[in-house]
Amino acid sequence: MLFKSLHYLHKKAGMVQVAPEIPVTQQNEGADSADEFTARTQEIANDICRQAKKIDALVESLPGVSVSESDQERKFVELSQENDAATRDLEEANKRARALLGDISGILREIADNAGKQKKGRDH
């Protein structure tokens, strides 16, 4: 939005004499009328202000923005400890799952072996 606004201001501004000794030698053919340009620049200024307020509101809504640095550090330590505990829990659950998988694999092997022995016994 800012780029488009600056582009408009650059392309649609009329040439204005800024000093008596420096005459305007060429007019901007694509320029808007002075009234139209003034109205449009006011609209652009209002749009930029609205966007700035929206950005400020978004920044304020970010977590931790209104919290002091020491509170943020404490929260970080707390979250880090919670993460460490969750990691330990996950590792324990993983160990239990691997143990159960080993038990189930062993039981399935026994079932398969017994089924094979029973089949051989019937075949003989």
PDB file of N, CA and C in Angstrom:
ATOM      1  N   MET A   1       0.822  -1.184   0.000  1.00  0.00           N
ATOM      2  CA  MET A   1       0.000   0.000   0.000  1.00  0.00           C
ATOM      3  C   MET A   1       0.873   1.258   0.000  1.00  0.00           C
ATOM      4  N   LEU A   2       1.912   1.250   0.807  1.00  0.00           N
ATOM      5  CA  LEU A   2       2.783   2.423   0.878  1.00  0.00           C
ATOM      6  C   LEU A   2       3.464   2.671  -0.468  1.00  0.00           C
ATOM      7  N   PHE A   3       3.916   1.600  -1.109  1.00  0.00           N
ATOM      8  CA  PHE A   3       4.577   1.753  -2.401  1.00  0.00           C
ATOM      9  C   PHE A   3       3.619   2.357  -3.429  1.00  0.00           C
ATOM     10  N   LYS A   4       2.373   1.829  -3.466  1.00  0.00           N
ATOM     11  CA  LYS A   4       1.396   2.354  -4.418  1.00  0.00           C
ATOM     12  C   LYS A   4       1.076   3.819  -4.123  1.00  0.00           C
ATOM     13  N   SER A   5       1.023   4.157  -2.849  1.00  0.00           N
ATOM     14  CA  SER A   5       0.742   5.548  -2.468  1.00  0.00           C
ATOM     15  C   SER A   5       1.861   6.478  -2.921  1.00  0.00           C
ATOM     16  N   LEU A   6       3.083   6.064  -2.687  1.00  0.00           N
ATOM     17  CA  LEU A   6       4.222   6.885  -3.111  1.00  0.00           C
ATOM     18  C   LEU A   6       4.270   6.994  -4.634  1.00  0.00           C
ATOM     19  N   HIS A   7       3.944   5.903  -5.309  1.00  0.00           N
ATOM     20  CA  HIS A   7       3.922   5.914  -6.769  1.00  0.00           C
ATOM     21  C   HIS A   7       2.882   6.934  -7.261  1.00  0.00           C
ATOM     22  N   TYR A   8       1.700   6.907  -6.649  1.00  0.00           N
ATOM     23  CA  TYR A   8       0.653   7.860  -7.027  1.00  0.00           C
ATOM     24  C   TYR A   8       1.147   9.292  -6.815  1.00  0.00           C
ATOM     25  N   LEU A   9       1.713   9.561  -5.641  1.00  0.00           N
ATOM     26  CA  LEU A   9       2.179  10.915  -5.343  1.00  0.00           C
ATOM     27  C   LEU A   9       3.237  11.371  -6.352  1.00  0.00           C
ATOM     28  N   HIS A  10       4.088  10.454  -6.749  1.00  0.00           N
ATOM     29  CA  HIS A  10       5.159  10.794  -7.694  1.00  0.00           C
ATOM     30  C   HIS A  10       4.593  11.053  -9.098  1.00  0.00           C
ATOM     31  N   LYS A  11       3.675  10.209  -9.542  1.00  0.00           N
ATOM     32  CA  LYS A  11       3.173  10.299 -10.917  1.00  0.00           C
ATOM     33  C   LYS A  11       2.078  11.341 -11.112  1.00  0.00           C
ATOM     34  N   LYS A  12       1.280  11.612 -10.095  1.00  0.00           N
ATOM     35  CA  LYS A  12       0.104  12.453 -10.272  1.00  0.00           C
ATOM     36  C   LYS A  12       0.260  13.868  -9.708  1.00  0.00           C
ATOM     37  N   ALA A  13       1.410  14.180  -9.183  1.00  0.00           N
ATOM     38  CA  ALA A  13       1.629  15.533  -8.645  1.00  0.00           C
ATOM     39  C   ALA A  13       1.861  16.517  -9.795  1.00  0.00           C
ATOM     40  N   GLY A  14       1.254  17.667  -9.681  1.00  0.00           N
ATOM     41  CA  GLY A  14       1.487  18.719 -10.667  1.00  0.00           C
ATOM     42  C   GLY A  14       2.803  19.424 -10.375  1.00  0.00           C
ATOM     43  N   MET A  15       3.343  20.041 -11.385  1.00  0.00           N
ATOM     44  CA  MET A  15       4.595  20.783 -11.205  1.00  0.00           C
ATOM     45  C   MET A  15       4.282  22.122 -10.531  1.00  0.00           C
ATOM     46  N   VAL A  16       5.056  22.440  -9.518  1.00  0.00           N
ATOM     47  CA  VAL A  16       4.834  23.670  -8.752  1.00  0.00           C
ATOM     48  C   VAL A  16       6.149  24.430  -8.689  1.00  0.00           C
ATOM     49  N   GLN A  17       6.073  25.719  -8.899  1.00  0.00           N
ATOM     50  CA  GLN A  17       7.271  26.545  -8.820  1.00  0.00           C
ATOM     51  C   GLN A  17       7.611  26.730  -7.344  1.00  0.00           C
ATOM     52  N   VAL A  18       8.825  26.344  -6.975  1.00  0.00           N
ATOM     53  CA  VAL A  18       9.228  26.410  -5.566  1.00  0.00           C
ATOM     54  C   VAL A  18      10.068  27.643  -5.265  1.00  0.00           C
ATOM     55  N   ALA A  19      10.611  28.254  -6.294  1.00  0.00           N
ATOM     56  CA  ALA A  19      11.404  29.467  -6.102  1.00  0.00           C
ATOM     57  C   ALA A  19      11.174  30.383  -7.297  1.00  0.00           C
ATOM     58  N   PRO A  20      11.113  31.698  -7.065  1.00  0.00           N
ATOM     59  CA  PRO A  20      10.834  32.628  -8.161  1.00  0.00           C
ATOM     60  C   PRO A  20      11.886  32.579  -9.270  1.00  0.00           C
ATOM     61  N   GLU A  21      13.103  32.272  -8.922  1.00  0.00           N
ATOM     62  CA  GLU A  21      14.156  32.254  -9.941  1.00  0.00           C
ATOM     63  C   GLU A  21      14.215  30.934 -10.724  1.00  0.00           C
ATOM     64  N   ILE A  22      13.402  29.949 -10.311  1.00  0.00           N
ATOM     65  CA  ILE A  22      13.388  28.663 -11.020  1.00  0.00           C
ATOM     66  C   ILE A  22      11.990  28.459 -11.594  1.00  0.00           C
ATOM     67  N   PRO A  23      11.814  28.723 -12.878  1.00  0.00           N
ATOM     68  CA  PRO A  23      10.479  28.590 -13.479  1.00  0.00           C
ATOM     69  C   PRO A  23      10.138  27.119 -13.770  1.00  0.00           C
ATOM     70  N   VAL A  24       8.852  26.828 -13.817  1.00  0.00           N
ATOM     71  CA  VAL A  24       8.389  25.510 -14.238  1.00  0.00           C
ATOM     72  C   VAL A  24       8.426  25.518 -15.757  1.00  0.00           C
ATOM     73  N   THR A  25       9.234  24.654 -16.336  1.00  0.00           N
ATOM     74  CA  THR A  25       9.404  24.653 -17.790  1.00  0.00           C
ATOM     75  C   THR A  25       8.574  23.570 -18.471  1.00  0.00           C
ATOM     76  N   GLN A  26       8.110  22.584 -17.702  1.00  0.00           N
ATOM     77  CA  GLN A  26       7.355  21.493 -18.307  1.00  0.00           C
ATOM     78  C   GLN A  26       6.295  21.020 -17.305  1.00  0.00           C
ATOM     79  N   GLN A  27       5.083  20.820 -17.775  1.00  0.00           N
ATOM     80  CA  GLN A  27       4.004  20.342 -16.912  1.00  0.00           C
ATOM     81  C   GLN A  27       3.941  18.811 -16.951  1.00  0.00           C
ATOM     82  N   ASN A  28       3.458  18.228 -15.865  1.00  0.00           N
ATOM     83  CA  ASN A  28       3.237  16.784 -15.804  1.00  0.00           C
ATOM     84  C   ASN A  28       1.896  16.508 -16.474  1.00  0.00           C
ATOM     85  N   GLU A  29       1.928  15.895 -17.645  1.00  0.00           N
ATOM     86  CA  GLU A  29       0.710  15.665 -18.430  1.00  0.00           C
ATOM     87  C   GLU A  29      -0.264  14.722 -17.717  1.00  0.00           C
ATOM     88  N   GLY A  30       0.246  13.813 -16.882  1.00  0.00           N
ATOM     89  CA  GLY A  30      -0.615  12.846 -16.199  1.00  0.00           C
ATOM     90  C   GLY A  30      -1.080  13.319 -14.841  1.00  0.00           C
ATOM     91  N   ALA A  31      -0.785  14.568 -14.494  1.00  0.00           N
ATOM     92  CA  ALA A  31      -1.115  15.068 -13.163  1.00  0.00           C
ATOM     93  C   ALA A  31      -2.618  15.227 -12.977  1.00  0.00           C
ATOM     94  N   ASP A  32      -3.059  14.967 -11.741  1.00  0.00           N
ATOM     95  CA  ASP A  32      -4.448  15.223 -11.382  1.00  0.00           C
ATOM     96  C   ASP A  32      -4.615  16.713 -11.123  1.00  0.00           C
ATOM     97  N   SER A  33      -5.869  17.163 -11.121  1.00  0.00           N
ATOM     98  CA  SER A  33      -6.125  18.573 -10.783  1.00  0.00           C
ATOM     99  C   SER A  33      -5.702  18.803  -9.334  1.00  0.00           C
ATOM    100  N   ALA A  34      -5.447  20.042  -8.980  1.00  0.00           N
ATOM    101  CA  ALA A  34      -4.974  20.358  -7.627  1.00  0.00           C
ATOM    102  C   ALA A  34      -5.977  19.889  -6.572  1.00  0.00           C
ATOM    103  N   ASP A  35      -7.269  20.098  -6.813  1.00  0.00           N
ATOM    104  CA  ASP A  35      -8.289  19.676  -5.848  1.00  0.00           C
ATOM    105  C   ASP A  35      -8.334  18.151  -5.725  1.00  0.00           C
ATOM    106  N   GLU A  36      -8.293  17.489  -6.869  1.00  0.00           N
ATOM    107  CA  GLU A  36      -8.327  16.028  -6.875  1.00  0.00           C
ATOM    108  C   GLU A  36      -7.086  15.458  -6.193  1.00  0.00           C
ATOM    109  N   PHE A  37      -5.921  16.044  -6.480  1.00  0.00           N
ATOM    110  CA  PHE A  37      -4.675  15.584  -5.877  1.00  0.00           C
ATOM    111  C   PHE A  37      -4.710  15.787  -4.361  1.00  0.00           C
ATOM    112  N   THR A  38      -5.201  16.924  -3.901  1.00  0.00           N
ATOM    113  CA  THR A  38      -5.287  17.207  -2.462  1.00  0.00           C
ATOM    114  C   THR A  38      -6.225  16.211  -1.781  1.00  0.00           C
ATOM    115  N   ALA A  39      -7.376  15.962  -2.392  1.00  0.00           N
ATOM    116  CA  ALA A  39      -8.338  15.010  -1.821  1.00  0.00           C
ATOM    117  C   ALA A  39      -7.738  13.608  -1.754  1.00  0.00           C
ATOM    118  N   ARG A  40      -7.080  13.227  -2.836  1.00  0.00           N
ATOM    119  CA  ARG A  40      -6.483  11.877  -2.885  1.00  0.00           C
ATOM    120  C   ARG A  40      -5.346  11.738  -1.886  1.00  0.00           C
ATOM    121  N   THR A  41      -4.512  12.772  -1.733  1.00  0.00           N
ATOM    122  CA  THR A  41      -3.422  12.679  -0.759  1.00  0.00           C
ATOM    123  C   THR A  41      -3.971  12.611   0.661  1.00  0.00           C
ATOM    124  N   GLN A  42      -5.074  13.294   0.931  1.00  0.00           N
ATOM    125  CA  GLN A  42      -5.700  13.213   2.257  1.00  0.00           C
ATOM    126  C   GLN A  42      -6.220  11.794   2.499  1.00  0.00           C
ATOM    127  N   GLU A  43      -6.813  11.205   1.474  1.00  0.00           N
ATOM    128  CA  GLU A  43      -7.303   9.826   1.564  1.00  0.00           C
ATOM    129  C   GLU A  43      -6.145   8.855   1.812  1.00  0.00           C
ATOM    130  N   ILE A  44      -5.047   9.073   1.099  1.00  0.00           N
ATOM    131  CA  ILE A  44      -3.860   8.217   1.284  1.00  0.00           C
ATOM    132  C   ILE A  44      -3.337   8.357   2.706  1.00  0.00           C
ATOM    133  N   ALA A  45      -3.267   9.569   3.211  1.00  0.00           N
ATOM    134  CA  ALA A  45      -2.782   9.800   4.576  1.00  0.00           C
ATOM    135  C   ALA A  45      -3.680   9.082   5.589  1.00  0.00           C
ATOM    136  N   ASN A  46      -4.991   9.171   5.381  1.00  0.00           N
ATOM    137  CA  ASN A  46      -5.923   8.487   6.282  1.00  0.00           C
ATOM    138  C   ASN A  46      -5.739   6.974   6.221  1.00  0.00           C
ATOM    139  N   ASP A  47      -5.556   6.435   5.008  1.00  0.00           N
ATOM    140  CA  ASP A  47      -5.338   4.993   4.852  1.00  0.00           C
ATOM    141  C   ASP A  47      -4.070   4.552   5.571  1.00  0.00           C
ATOM    142  N   ILE A  48      -3.013   5.326   5.436  1.00  0.00           N
ATOM    143  CA  ILE A  48      -1.748   4.986   6.098  1.00  0.00           C
ATOM    144  C   ILE A  48      -1.922   5.022   7.614  1.00  0.00           C
ATOM    145  N   CYS A  49      -2.626   6.008   8.126  1.00  0.00           N
ATOM    146  CA  CYS A  49      -2.871   6.090   9.579  1.00  0.00           C
ATOM    147  C   CYS A  49      -3.697   4.901  10.063  1.00  0.00           C
ATOM    148  N   ARG A  50      -4.731   4.515   9.300  1.00  0.00           N
ATOM    149  CA  ARG A  50      -5.548   3.360   9.678  1.00  0.00           C
ATOM    150  C   ARG A  50      -4.699   2.087   9.702  1.00  0.00           C
ATOM    151  N   GLN A  51      -3.870   1.914   8.692  1.00  0.00           N
ATOM    152  CA  GLN A  51      -3.012   0.729   8.637  1.00  0.00           C
ATOM    153  C   GLN A  51      -2.018   0.733   9.801  1.00  0.00           C
ATOM    154  N   ALA A  52      -1.476   1.889  10.127  1.00  0.00           N
ATOM    155  CA  ALA A  52      -0.536   1.978  11.250  1.00  0.00           C
ATOM    156  C   ALA A  52      -1.228   1.591  12.553  1.00  0.00           C
ATOM    157  N   LYS A  53      -2.468   2.023  12.733  1.00  0.00           N
ATOM    158  CA  LYS A  53      -3.220   1.658  13.945  1.00  0.00           C
ATOM    159  C   LYS A  53      -3.492   0.160  13.985  1.00  0.00           C
ATOM    160  N   LYS A  54      -3.811  -0.432  12.836  1.00  0.00           N
ATOM    161  CA  LYS A  54      -4.031  -1.875  12.782  1.00  0.00           C
ATOM    162  C   LYS A  54      -2.751  -2.627  13.147  1.00  0.00           C
ATOM    163  N   ILE A  55      -1.642  -2.152  12.625  1.00  0.00           N
ATOM    164  CA  ILE A  55      -0.355  -2.798  12.923  1.00  0.00           C
ATOM    165  C   ILE A  55      -0.043  -2.664  14.404  1.00  0.00           C
ATOM    166  N   ASP A  56      -0.274  -1.481  14.978  1.00  0.00           N
ATOM    167  CA  ASP A  56      -0.044  -1.286  16.411  1.00  0.00           C
ATOM    168  C   ASP A  56      -0.912  -2.238  17.232  1.00  0.00           C
ATOM    169  N   ALA A  57      -2.174  -2.396  16.837  1.00  0.00           N
ATOM    170  CA  ALA A  57      -3.073  -3.302  17.558  1.00  0.00           C
ATOM    171  C   ALA A  57      -2.585  -4.744  17.461  1.00  0.00           C
ATOM    172  N   LEU A  58      -2.105  -5.138  16.287  1.00  0.00           N
ATOM    173  CA  LEU A  58      -1.581  -6.495  16.123  1.00  0.00           C
ATOM    174  C   LEU A  58      -0.341  -6.708  16.986  1.00  0.00           C
ATOM    175  N   VAL A  59       0.529  -5.727  17.008  1.00  0.00           N
ATOM    176  CA  VAL A  59       1.747  -5.836  17.824  1.00  0.00           C
ATOM    177  C   VAL A  59       1.378  -5.948  19.299  1.00  0.00           C
ATOM    178  N   GLU A  60       0.427  -5.141  19.738  1.00  0.00           N
ATOM    179  CA  GLU A  60       0.004  -5.187  21.137  1.00  0.00           C
ATOM    180  C   GLU A  60      -0.634  -6.518  21.502  1.00  0.00           C
ATOM    181  N   SER A  61      -1.253  -7.182  20.523  1.00  0.00           N
ATOM    182  CA  SER A  61      -1.910  -8.456  20.814  1.00  0.00           C
ATOM    183  C   SER A  61      -0.933  -9.630  20.842  1.00  0.00           C
ATOM    184  N   LEU A  62       0.311  -9.379  20.438  1.00  0.00           N
ATOM    185  CA  LEU A  62       1.304 -10.453  20.489  1.00  0.00           C
ATOM    186  C   LEU A  62       1.546 -10.859  21.937  1.00  0.00           C
ATOM    187  N   PRO A  63       1.705 -12.171  22.168  1.00  0.00           N
ATOM    188  CA  PRO A  63       1.927 -12.602  23.547  1.00  0.00           C
ATOM    189  C   PRO A  63       3.270 -12.100  24.062  1.00  0.00           C
ATOM    190  N   GLY A  64       3.256 -11.602  25.277  1.00  0.00           N
ATOM    191  CA  GLY A  64       4.492 -11.180  25.916  1.00  0.00           C
ATOM    192  C   GLY A  64       4.909  -9.753  25.641  1.00  0.00           C
ATOM    193  N   VAL A  65       4.202  -9.030  24.801  1.00  0.00           N
ATOM    194  CA  VAL A  65       4.604  -7.665  24.471  1.00  0.00           C
ATOM    195  C   VAL A  65       4.484  -6.752  25.683  1.00  0.00           C
ATOM    196  N   SER A  66       3.437  -6.958  26.475  1.00  0.00           N
ATOM    197  CA  SER A  66       3.227  -6.085  27.634  1.00  0.00           C
ATOM    198  C   SER A  66       3.853  -6.650  28.901  1.00  0.00           C
ATOM    199  N   VAL A  67       4.660  -7.701  28.759  1.00  0.00           N
ATOM    200  CA  VAL A  67       5.295  -8.354  29.903  1.00  0.00           C
ATOM    201  C   VAL A  67       6.756  -7.915  29.976  1.00  0.00           C
ATOM    202  N   SER A  68       7.244  -7.746  31.197  1.00  0.00           N
ATOM    203  CA  SER A  68       8.634  -7.306  31.361  1.00  0.00           C
ATOM    204  C   SER A  68       9.597  -8.397  30.899  1.00  0.00           C
ATOM    205  N   GLU A  69      10.823  -7.996  30.667  1.00  0.00           N
ATOM    206  CA  GLU A  69      11.834  -8.938  30.188  1.00  0.00           C
ATOM    207  C   GLU A  69      12.078 -10.044  31.212  1.00  0.00           C
ATOM    208  N   SER A  70      12.117  -9.691  32.496  1.00  0.00           N
ATOM    209  CA  SER A  70      12.358 -10.713  33.523  1.00  0.00           C
ATOM    210  C   SER A  70      11.189 -11.702  33.582  1.00  0.00           C
ATOM    211  N   ASP A  71       9.954 -11.213  33.403  1.00  0.00           N
ATOM    212  CA  ASP A  71       8.797 -12.111  33.368  1.00  0.00           C
ATOM    213  C   ASP A  71       8.867 -13.027  32.150  1.00  0.00           C
ATOM    214  N   GLN A  72       9.305 -12.470  31.031  1.00  0.00           N
ATOM    215  CA  GLN A  72       9.459 -13.285  29.824  1.00  0.00           C
ATOM    216  C   GLN A  72      10.513 -14.364  30.048  1.00  0.00           C
ATOM    217  N   GLU A  73      11.615 -14.008  30.716  1.00  0.00           N
ATOM    218  CA  GLU A  73      12.672 -14.986  30.986  1.00  0.00           C
ATOM    219  C   GLU A  73      12.158 -16.084  31.909  1.00  0.00           C
ATOM    220  N   ARG A  74      11.397 -15.686  32.952  1.00  0.00           N
ATOM    221  CA  ARG A  74      10.822 -16.682  33.858  1.00  0.00           C
ATOM    222  C   ARG A  74       9.883 -17.618  33.107  1.00  0.00           C
ATOM    223  N   LYS A  75       9.057 -17.061  32.256  1.00  0.00           N
ATOM    224  CA  LYS A  75       8.121 -17.865  31.473  1.00  0.00           C
ATOM    225  C   LYS A  75       8.883 -18.807  30.541  1.00  0.00           C
ATOM    226  N   PHE A  76       9.973 -18.310  29.964  1.00  0.00           N
ATOM    227  CA  PHE A  76      10.784 -19.142  29.080  1.00  0.00           C
ATOM    228  C   PHE A  76      11.368 -20.320  29.856  1.00  0.00           C
ATOM    229  N   VAL A  77      11.886 -20.064  31.060  1.00  0.00           N
ATOM    230  CA  VAL A  77      12.451 -21.133  31.888  1.00  0.00           C
ATOM    231  C   VAL A  77      11.359 -22.143  32.242  1.00  0.00           C
ATOM    232  N   GLU A  78      10.191 -21.633  32.611  1.00  0.00           N
ATOM    233  CA  GLU A  78       9.067 -22.507  32.955  1.00  0.00           C
ATOM    234  C   GLU A  78       8.679 -23.384  31.767  1.00  0.00           C
ATOM    235  N   LEU A  79       8.555 -22.769  30.592  1.00  0.00           N
ATOM    236  CA  LEU A  79       8.202 -23.532  29.393  1.00  0.00           C
ATOM    237  C   LEU A  79       9.290 -24.533  29.024  1.00  0.00           C
ATOM    238  N   SER A  80      10.530 -24.140  29.234  1.00  0.00           N
ATOM    239  CA  SER A  80      11.645 -25.037  28.939  1.00  0.00           C
ATOM    240  C   SER A  80      11.594 -26.257  29.865  1.00  0.00           C
ATOM    241  N   GLN A  81      11.281 -26.027  31.139  1.00  0.00           N
ATOM    242  CA  GLN A  81      11.162 -27.140  32.090  1.00  0.00           C
ATOM    243  C   GLN A  81       9.985 -28.049  31.718  1.00  0.00           C
ATOM    244  N   GLU A  82       8.869 -27.442  31.332  1.00  0.00           N
ATOM    245  CA  GLU A  82       7.723 -28.237  30.885  1.00  0.00           C
ATOM    246  C   GLU A  82       8.091 -29.059  29.650  1.00  0.00           C
ATOM    247  N   ASN A  83       8.847 -28.465  28.753  1.00  0.00           N
ATOM    248  CA  ASN A  83       9.276 -29.166  27.545  1.00  0.00           C
ATOM    249  C   ASN A  83      10.196 -30.332  27.900  1.00  0.00           C
ATOM    250  N   ASP A  84      11.111 -30.106  28.832  1.00  0.00           N
ATOM    251  CA  ASP A  84      12.010 -31.176  29.259  1.00  0.00           C
ATOM    252  C   ASP A  84      11.221 -32.333  29.876  1.00  0.00           C
ATOM    253  N   ALA A  85      10.232 -32.000  30.714  1.00  0.00           N
ATOM    254  CA  ALA A  85       9.402 -33.033  31.345  1.00  0.00           C
ATOM    255  C   ALA A  85       8.612 -33.792  30.275  1.00  0.00           C
ATOM    256  N   ALA A  86       8.057 -33.076  29.307  1.00  0.00           N
ATOM    257  CA  ALA A  86       7.311 -33.730  28.229  1.00  0.00           C
ATOM    258  C   ALA A  86       8.228 -34.631  27.409  1.00  0.00           C
ATOM    259  N   THR A  87       9.461 -34.199  27.205  1.00  0.00           N
ATOM    260  CA  THR A  87      10.427 -35.020  26.462  1.00  0.00           C
ATOM    261  C   THR A  87      10.726 -36.301  27.231  1.00  0.00           C
ATOM    262  N   ARG A  88      10.918 -36.185  28.551  1.00  0.00           N
ATOM    263  CA  ARG A  88      11.170 -37.380  29.367  1.00  0.00           C
ATOM    264  C   ARG A  88       9.966 -38.324  29.310  1.00  0.00           C
ATOM    265  N   ASP A  89       8.757 -37.767  29.418  1.00  0.00           N
ATOM    266  CA  ASP A  89       7.543 -38.587  29.344  1.00  0.00           C
ATOM    267  C   ASP A  89       7.463 -39.301  27.998  1.00  0.00           C
ATOM    268  N   LEU A  90       7.782 -38.579  26.937  1.00  0.00           N
ATOM    269  CA  LEU A  90       7.745 -39.173  25.605  1.00  0.00           C
ATOM    270  C   LEU A  90       8.765 -40.297  25.481  1.00  0.00           C
ATOM    271  N   GLU A  91       9.954 -40.076  26.016  1.00  0.00           N
ATOM    272  CA  GLU A  91      10.984 -41.120  25.944  1.00  0.00           C
ATOM    273  C   GLU A  91      10.561 -42.356  26.734  1.00  0.00           C
ATOM    274  N   GLU A  92       9.940 -42.156  27.907  1.00  0.00           N
ATOM    275  CA  GLU A  92       9.447 -43.286  28.703  1.00  0.00           C
ATOM    276  C   GLU A  92       8.345 -44.029  27.954  1.00  0.00           C
ATOM    277  N   ALA A  93       7.424 -43.276  27.364  1.00  0.00           N
ATOM    278  CA  ALA A  93       6.344 -43.904  26.604  1.00  0.00           C
ATOM    279  C   ALA A  93       6.910 -44.681  25.423  1.00  0.00           C
ATOM    280  N   ASN A  94       7.940 -44.140  24.803  1.00  0.00           N
ATOM    281  CA  ASN A  94       8.584 -44.814  23.684  1.00  0.00           C
ATOM    282  C   ASN A  94       9.231 -46.122  24.148  1.00  0.00           C
ATOM    283  N   LYS A  95       9.893 -46.103  25.321  1.00  0.00           N
ATOM    284  CA  LYS A  95      10.505 -47.326  25.864  1.00  0.00           C
ATOM    285  C   LYS A  95       9.433 -48.370  26.150  1.00  0.00           C
ATOM    286  N   ARG A  96       8.315 -47.927  26.761  1.00  0.00           N
ATOM    287  CA  ARG A  96       7.233 -48.866  27.073  1.00  0.00           C
ATOM    288  C   ARG A  96       6.648 -49.443  25.779  1.00  0.00           C
ATOM    289  N   ALA A  97       6.499 -48.605  24.785  1.00  0.00           N
ATOM    290  CA  ALA A  97       5.942 -49.066  23.511  1.00  0.00           C
ATOM    291  C   ALA A  97       6.867 -50.084  22.858  1.00  0.00           C
ATOM    292  N   ARG A  98       8.164 -49.830  22.898  1.00  0.00           N
ATOM    293  CA  ARG A  98       9.117 -50.784  22.313  1.00  0.00           C
ATOM    294  C   ARG A  98       9.090 -52.116  23.070  1.00  0.00           C
ATOM    295  N   ALA A  99       8.979 -52.028  24.409  1.00  0.00           N
ATOM    296  CA  ALA A  99       8.905 -53.253  25.213  1.00  0.00           C
ATOM    297  C   ALA A  99       7.635 -54.039  24.867  1.00  0.00           C
ATOM    298  N   LEU A 100       6.512 -53.343  24.773  1.00  0.00           N
ATOM    299  CA  LEU A 100       5.257 -54.000  24.402  1.00  0.00           C
ATOM    300  C   LEU A 100       5.344 -54.603  23.006  1.00  0.00           C
ATOM    301  N   LEU A 101       5.981 -53.893  22.096  1.00  0.00           N
ATOM    302  CA  LEU A 101       6.148 -54.414  20.741  1.00  0.00           C
ATOM    303  C   LEU A 101       6.968 -55.701  20.766  1.00  0.00           C
ATOM    304  N   GLY A 102       8.014 -55.690  21.591  1.00  0.00           N
ATOM    305  CA  GLY A 102       8.823 -56.909  21.722  1.00  0.00           C
ATOM    306  C   GLY A 102       8.006 -58.052  22.292  1.00  0.00           C
ATOM    307  N   ASP A 103       7.208 -57.771  23.334  1.00  0.00           N
ATOM    308  CA  ASP A 103       6.357 -58.813  23.934  1.00  0.00           C
ATOM    309  C   ASP A 103       5.362 -59.343  22.916  1.00  0.00           C
ATOM    310  N   ILE A 104       4.705 -58.443  22.194  1.00  0.00           N
ATOM    311  CA  ILE A 104       3.707 -58.857  21.202  1.00  0.00           C
ATOM    312  C   ILE A 104       4.362 -59.660  20.090  1.00  0.00           C
ATOM    313  N   SER A 105       5.528 -59.245  19.649  1.00  0.00           N
ATOM    314  CA  SER A 105       6.241 -59.988  18.598  1.00  0.00           C
ATOM    315  C   SER A 105       6.569 -61.399  19.075  1.00  0.00           C
ATOM    316  N   GLY A 106       7.012 -61.506  20.336  1.00  0.00           N
ATOM    317  CA  GLY A 106       7.329 -62.826  20.898  1.00  0.00           C
ATOM    318  C   GLY A 106       6.095 -63.708  20.965  1.00  0.00           C
ATOM    319  N   ILE A 107       4.992 -63.152  21.430  1.00  0.00           N
ATOM    320  CA  ILE A 107       3.745 -63.923  21.522  1.00  0.00           C
ATOM    321  C   ILE A 107       3.284 -64.371  20.138  1.00  0.00           C
ATOM    322  N   LEU A 108       3.355 -63.464  19.162  1.00  0.00           N
ATOM    323  CA  LEU A 108       2.951 -63.828  17.802  1.00  0.00           C
ATOM    324  C   LEU A 108       3.841 -64.929  17.236  1.00  0.00           C
ATOM    325  N   ARG A 109       5.156 -64.902  17.557  1.00  0.00           N
ATOM    326  CA  ARG A 109       6.057 -65.964  17.101  1.00  0.00           C
ATOM    327  C   ARG A 109       5.660 -67.304  17.719  1.00  0.00           C
ATOM    328  N   GLU A 110       5.337 -67.261  19.017  1.00  0.00           N
ATOM    329  CA  GLU A 110       4.916 -68.492  19.696  1.00  0.00           C
ATOM    330  C   GLU A 110       3.641 -69.040  19.061  1.00  0.00           C
ATOM    331  N   ILE A 111       2.690 -68.166  18.803  1.00  0.00           N
ATOM    332  CA  ILE A 111       1.433 -68.593  18.177  1.00  0.00           C
ATOM    333  C   ILE A 111       1.718 -69.199  16.813  1.00  0.00           C
ATOM    334  N   ALA A 112       2.565 -68.538  16.041  1.00  0.00           N
ATOM    335  CA  ALA A 112       2.893 -69.053  14.706  1.00  0.00           C
ATOM    336  C   ALA A 112       3.615 -70.393  14.812  1.00  0.00           C
ATOM    337  N   ASP A 113       4.542 -70.524  15.769  1.00  0.00           N
ATOM    338  CA  ASP A 113       5.266 -71.785  15.941  1.00  0.00           C
ATOM    339  C   ASP A 113       4.306 -72.901  16.351  1.00  0.00           C
ATOM    340  N   ASN A 114       3.419 -72.594  17.291  1.00  0.00           N
ATOM    341  CA  ASN A 114       2.462 -73.605  17.751  1.00  0.00           C
ATOM    342  C   ASN A 114       1.516 -74.006  16.626  1.00  0.00           C
ATOM    343  N   ALA A 115       1.084 -73.023  15.830  1.00  0.00           N
ATOM    344  CA  ALA A 115       0.198 -73.339  14.715  1.00  0.00           C
ATOM    345  C   ALA A 115       0.921 -74.217  13.715  1.00  0.00           C
ATOM    346  N   GLY A 116       2.196 -73.963  13.502  1.00  0.00           N
ATOM    347  CA  GLY A 116       2.986 -74.777  12.577  1.00  0.00           C
ATOM    348  C   GLY A 116       3.171 -76.180  13.101  1.00  0.00           C
ATOM    349  N   LYS A 117       3.398 -76.340  14.416  1.00  0.00           N
ATOM    350  CA  LYS A 117       3.579 -77.669  15.017  1.00  0.00           C
ATOM    351  C   LYS A 117       2.276 -78.459  14.944  1.00  0.00           C
ATOM    352  N   GLN A 118       1.160 -77.769  15.184  1.00  0.00           N
ATOM    353  CA  GLN A 118      -0.137 -78.464  15.133  1.00  0.00           C
ATOM    354  C   GLN A 118      -0.432 -78.936  13.724  1.00  0.00           C
ATOM    355  N   LYS A 119      -0.082 -78.138  12.745  1.00  0.00           N
ATOM    356  CA  LYS A 119      -0.336 -78.499  11.345  1.00  0.00           C
ATOM    357  C   LYS A 119       0.519 -79.699  10.961  1.00  0.00           C
ATOM    358  N   LYS A 120       1.789 -79.724  11.426  1.00  0.00           N
ATOM    359  CA  LYS A 120       2.669 -80.841  11.117  1.00  0.00           C
ATOM    360  C   LYS A 120       2.146 -82.130  11.782  1.00  0.00           C
ATOM    361  N   GLY A 121       1.613 -81.962  12.992  1.00  0.00           N
ATOM    362  CA  GLY A 121       1.079 -83.118  13.708  1.00  0.00           C
ATOM    363  C   GLY A 121      -0.127 -83.701  12.999  1.00  0.00           C
ATOM    364  N   ARG A 122      -0.952 -82.890  12.391  1.00  0.00           N
ATOM    365  CA  ARG A 122      -2.122 -83.378  11.670  1.00  0.00           C
ATOM    366  C   ARG A 122      -1.727 -83.998  10.336  1.00  0.00           C
ATOM    367  N   ASP A 123      -0.670 -83.475   9.750  1.00  0.00           N
ATOM    368  CA  ASP A 123      -0.240 -83.977   8.446  1.00  0.00           C
ATOM    369  C   ASP A 123       0.411 -85.360   8.571  1.00  0.00           C
ATOM    370  N   HIS A 124       0.986 -85.709   9.728  1.00  0.00           N
ATOM    371  CA  HIS A 124       1.671 -86.994   9.877  1.00  0.00           C
ATOM    372  C   HIS A 124       0.765 -88.015  10.357  1.00  0.00           C
TER     373      HIS A 124
END
